[in-house]
Amino acid sequence: MEVAVTTLSQGDAGKIDLAASVFEQPVRKDILHQVVVWQLAKRRQGTHSTKTRGEVKATTKKMYKQKGTGRARHGSADVTQFRGGGAPMGPKPRDYTHSLPKKVRKLGLKSALSAKLAEGKLVVLDEAVLGEPKTKQLAESVAKHGWGRTTLIDGGDIDRNFGLAARNLVGMKILQSAGANVYDILHGDTLVLTKSAVAALEERLA
């Protein structure tokens, strides 16, 4: 499928042919969900921890006499009813990561790219390069294009000036093609790919 190539200044940079095997696949919402859950699970630290009765440091002295008070019988201050007591069945450190077949991850990335193209929210940029690291200049370009919250993927190393300008821009996320992932592609309103990113992704997903 042929798509127009634009520049940061909204100039015409010709057209590019996108591989149907990567950008025109059926949008599998079930696969997208699996991949996003897998990604977010990997990001979880899993360091949450609560103390059980056995780990709480409390006196073992009987709190008050057994009978005659009209209150419930208690013999320890480390139970969950009292402030500072142990938590029953509370969270403990754990690893949330789980495996996902490479074929499913690859299919998820193809599906995400295809979804953006089908929605008309995929833009191909000639190159992501700036002469000066000026956030204002980049912000004006993004506003003129009407991209909104943007995920931009470049083929190789990010241009230094472009990277410095974009890091102060709210809603702009920049990735190398090697770091392209389903969550960030779907999270942005607009997906912007440079010509080098298109070539790298087609080679990666062929």
Protein backbone atom coordinates (compact mmCIF):
# COMPACT_ATOMS: atom_id res chain seq x y z
CA MET A 1 0.00 0.00 0.00
CA GLU A 2 1.36 3.40 -0.99
CA VAL A 3 1.45 6.10 1.68
CA ALA A 4 2.51 9.73 1.31
CA VAL A 5 5.75 10.75 3.00
CA THR A 6 5.83 14.12 4.75
CA THR A 7 8.48 16.30 6.37
CA LEU A 8 8.48 18.15 9.69
CA SER A 9 7.71 21.36 7.79
CA GLN A 10 4.69 19.67 6.11
CA GLY A 11 6.52 19.34 2.82
CA ASP A 12 5.92 16.58 0.28
CA ALA A 13 8.64 13.92 0.26
CA GLY A 14 7.09 11.50 -2.23
CA LYS A 15 5.50 8.17 -1.42
CA ILE A 16 6.52 4.88 0.16
CA ASP A 17 5.16 1.39 -0.39
CA LEU A 18 4.29 -0.35 2.89
CA ALA A 19 4.58 -4.14 2.96
CA ALA A 20 1.17 -5.79 3.20
CA SER A 21 2.66 -8.62 5.28
CA VAL A 22 3.42 -6.10 8.07
CA PHE A 23 0.99 -3.19 7.74
CA GLU A 24 -2.13 -4.81 6.30
CA GLN A 25 -2.73 -7.71 8.67
CA PRO A 26 -6.10 -8.41 10.37
CA VAL A 27 -6.45 -6.48 13.62
CA ARG A 28 -6.54 -9.15 16.35
CA LYS A 29 -7.83 -7.51 19.51
CA ASP A 30 -7.30 -10.72 21.47
CA ILE A 31 -3.63 -10.82 20.48
CA LEU A 32 -3.18 -7.11 21.24
CA HIS A 33 -4.65 -7.68 24.70
CA GLN A 34 -2.35 -10.61 25.40
CA VAL A 35 0.74 -8.66 24.39
CA VAL A 36 -0.20 -5.52 26.35
CA VAL A 37 -0.88 -7.59 29.50
CA TRP A 38 2.46 -9.36 29.03
CA GLN A 39 4.28 -6.03 28.63
CA LEU A 40 2.68 -4.38 31.65
CA ALA A 41 3.28 -7.48 33.79
CA LYS A 42 7.01 -7.22 33.00
CA ARG A 43 7.03 -3.64 34.27
CA ARG A 44 5.64 -4.54 37.70
CA GLN A 45 8.29 -4.54 40.41
CA GLY A 46 6.48 -7.00 42.64
CA THR A 47 8.28 -5.69 45.74
CA HIS A 48 5.09 -5.24 47.79
CA SER A 49 5.26 -6.91 51.18
CA THR A 50 3.20 -7.08 54.37
CA LYS A 51 4.10 -8.64 57.70
CA THR A 52 2.33 -11.68 59.06
CA ARG A 53 1.73 -12.32 62.76
CA GLY A 54 5.01 -14.17 62.93
CA GLU A 55 6.92 -11.15 61.59
CA VAL A 56 5.30 -8.43 63.70
CA LYS A 57 7.26 -7.31 66.74
CA ALA A 58 4.80 -7.03 69.64
CA THR A 59 4.63 -7.86 73.32
CA THR A 60 3.39 -11.29 74.32
CA LYS A 61 1.94 -9.99 77.58
CA LYS A 62 -1.78 -10.64 77.97
CA MET A 63 -3.58 -7.40 77.15
CA TYR A 64 -6.18 -7.62 79.94
CA LYS A 65 -7.75 -10.27 82.12
CA GLN A 66 -9.66 -13.10 80.48
CA LYS A 67 -13.03 -12.66 82.17
CA GLY A 68 -15.23 -9.99 83.66
CA THR A 69 -14.48 -7.11 81.27
CA GLY A 70 -17.31 -7.74 78.79
CA ARG A 71 -14.78 -7.54 75.98
CA ALA A 72 -13.53 -10.22 73.63
CA ARG A 73 -10.78 -12.52 74.83
CA HIS A 74 -7.32 -11.43 73.61
CA GLY A 75 -3.95 -12.75 74.53
CA SER A 76 -1.66 -11.16 71.94
CA ALA A 77 -1.19 -7.69 70.41
CA ASP A 78 0.11 -8.99 67.06
CA VAL A 79 -3.29 -10.06 65.73
CA THR A 80 -4.83 -8.28 62.75
CA GLN A 81 -7.59 -6.59 64.81
CA PHE A 82 -5.12 -4.20 66.43
CA ARG A 83 -3.09 -1.35 64.97
CA GLY A 84 0.31 -2.68 63.94
CA GLY A 85 -0.88 -6.27 63.90
CA GLY A 86 0.03 -8.77 61.22
CA ALA A 87 -1.88 -8.90 57.94
CA PRO A 88 -3.54 -12.23 57.12
CA MET A 89 -2.86 -13.40 53.58
CA GLY A 90 -1.33 -10.03 52.64
CA PRO A 91 0.81 -9.46 49.51
CA LYS A 92 4.34 -10.81 49.45
CA PRO A 93 7.18 -10.16 46.96
CA ARG A 94 6.57 -12.04 43.72
CA ASP A 95 7.49 -12.03 40.05
CA TYR A 96 4.59 -11.09 37.76
CA THR A 97 6.33 -11.89 34.48
CA HIS A 98 5.05 -14.70 32.33
CA SER A 99 6.12 -16.14 29.01
CA LEU A 100 4.55 -15.29 25.67
CA PRO A 101 5.54 -17.06 22.44
CA LYS A 102 7.62 -15.02 20.00
CA LYS A 103 5.08 -15.69 17.26
CA VAL A 104 2.35 -14.08 19.34
CA ARG A 105 4.52 -11.04 20.14
CA LYS A 106 5.41 -10.65 16.48
CA LEU A 107 1.78 -10.98 15.41
CA GLY A 108 0.79 -8.42 18.05
CA LEU A 109 3.25 -5.87 16.65
CA LYS A 110 1.99 -6.43 13.11
CA SER A 111 -1.59 -6.09 14.33
CA ALA A 112 -0.83 -2.82 16.14
CA LEU A 113 0.84 -1.32 13.07
CA SER A 114 -2.03 -2.47 10.87
CA ALA A 115 -4.59 -0.98 13.29
CA LYS A 116 -2.93 2.44 13.13
CA LEU A 117 -2.81 2.34 9.33
CA ALA A 118 -6.46 1.24 9.11
CA GLU A 119 -7.51 4.11 11.42
CA GLY A 120 -5.61 6.63 9.30
CA LYS A 121 -3.36 7.48 12.24
CA LEU A 122 -0.07 6.27 10.78
CA VAL A 123 2.25 8.96 9.37
CA VAL A 124 5.48 8.33 7.49
CA LEU A 125 8.10 11.03 8.06
CA ASP A 126 11.06 11.61 5.76
CA GLU A 127 13.48 11.99 8.72
CA ALA A 128 13.38 13.08 12.35
CA VAL A 129 16.18 15.63 12.31
CA LEU A 130 16.43 19.19 13.65
CA GLY A 131 19.11 21.79 13.06
CA GLU A 132 18.80 23.05 16.63
CA PRO A 133 17.52 21.46 19.85
CA LYS A 134 14.50 23.80 20.04
CA THR A 135 11.38 22.42 21.72
CA LYS A 136 9.30 25.38 20.50
CA GLN A 137 10.22 24.62 16.88
CA LEU A 138 9.24 20.97 17.24
CA ALA A 139 6.04 21.83 19.12
CA GLU A 140 4.96 24.13 16.29
CA SER A 141 5.59 21.38 13.73
CA VAL A 142 3.59 18.84 15.73
CA ALA A 143 0.72 21.33 16.19
CA LYS A 144 0.61 22.10 12.45
CA HIS A 145 0.44 18.41 11.63
CA GLY A 146 -2.26 17.93 14.29
CA TRP A 147 -0.62 14.80 15.66
CA GLY A 148 -1.65 15.19 19.31
CA ARG A 149 -0.16 12.55 21.61
CA THR A 150 2.50 11.01 19.42
CA THR A 151 4.69 7.92 19.37
CA LEU A 152 7.58 8.42 16.96
CA ILE A 153 9.76 5.52 15.89
CA ASP A 154 13.09 6.06 14.12
CA GLY A 155 15.13 3.43 12.34
CA GLY A 156 18.51 3.97 13.96
CA ASP A 157 20.00 6.28 16.58
CA ILE A 158 17.82 9.24 17.50
CA ASP A 159 19.09 12.57 16.20
CA ARG A 160 20.60 14.41 19.19
CA ASN A 161 18.91 17.75 18.51
CA PHE A 162 15.56 16.07 17.88
CA GLY A 163 15.86 14.00 21.05
CA LEU A 164 16.70 17.04 23.18
CA ALA A 165 13.79 19.02 21.73
CA ALA A 166 11.30 16.17 22.10
CA ARG A 167 12.07 15.25 25.71
CA ASN A 168 10.46 18.50 26.91
CA LEU A 169 7.41 18.04 24.70
CA VAL A 170 4.37 16.71 26.56
CA GLY A 171 2.78 13.72 24.83
CA MET A 172 5.76 12.90 22.58
CA LYS A 173 7.47 9.52 22.95
CA ILE A 174 10.48 8.58 20.80
CA LEU A 175 11.67 5.02 20.25
CA GLN A 176 14.23 3.27 18.11
CA SER A 177 12.85 0.58 15.80
CA ALA A 178 14.42 -2.08 18.02
CA GLY A 179 12.29 -0.82 20.92
CA ALA A 180 9.02 -0.65 18.99
CA ASN A 181 6.30 -2.29 21.07
CA VAL A 182 2.55 -2.77 21.05
CA TYR A 183 1.75 -0.78 24.20
CA ASP A 184 3.48 2.44 23.11
CA ILE A 185 2.11 2.18 19.57
CA LEU A 186 -1.46 1.87 20.84
CA HIS A 187 -1.01 4.43 23.63
CA GLY A 188 -0.28 7.31 21.24
CA ASP A 189 -2.99 9.00 19.19
CA THR A 190 -0.69 9.17 16.17
CA LEU A 191 2.06 6.77 15.15
CA VAL A 192 4.88 8.48 13.24
CA LEU A 193 7.42 6.28 11.47
CA THR A 194 10.49 7.57 9.68
CA LYS A 195 11.39 5.98 6.35
CA SER A 196 14.30 4.21 8.04
CA ALA A 197 11.93 2.90 10.73
CA VAL A 198 9.61 1.45 8.08
CA ALA A 199 12.53 -0.38 6.48
CA ALA A 200 13.78 -1.66 9.86
CA LEU A 201 10.33 -2.86 10.97
CA GLU A 202 9.67 -4.62 7.67
CA GLU A 203 13.01 -6.39 7.97
CA ARG A 204 12.33 -7.31 11.61
CA LEU A 205 8.82 -8.62 11.00
CA ALA A 206 9.24 -10.16 7.56
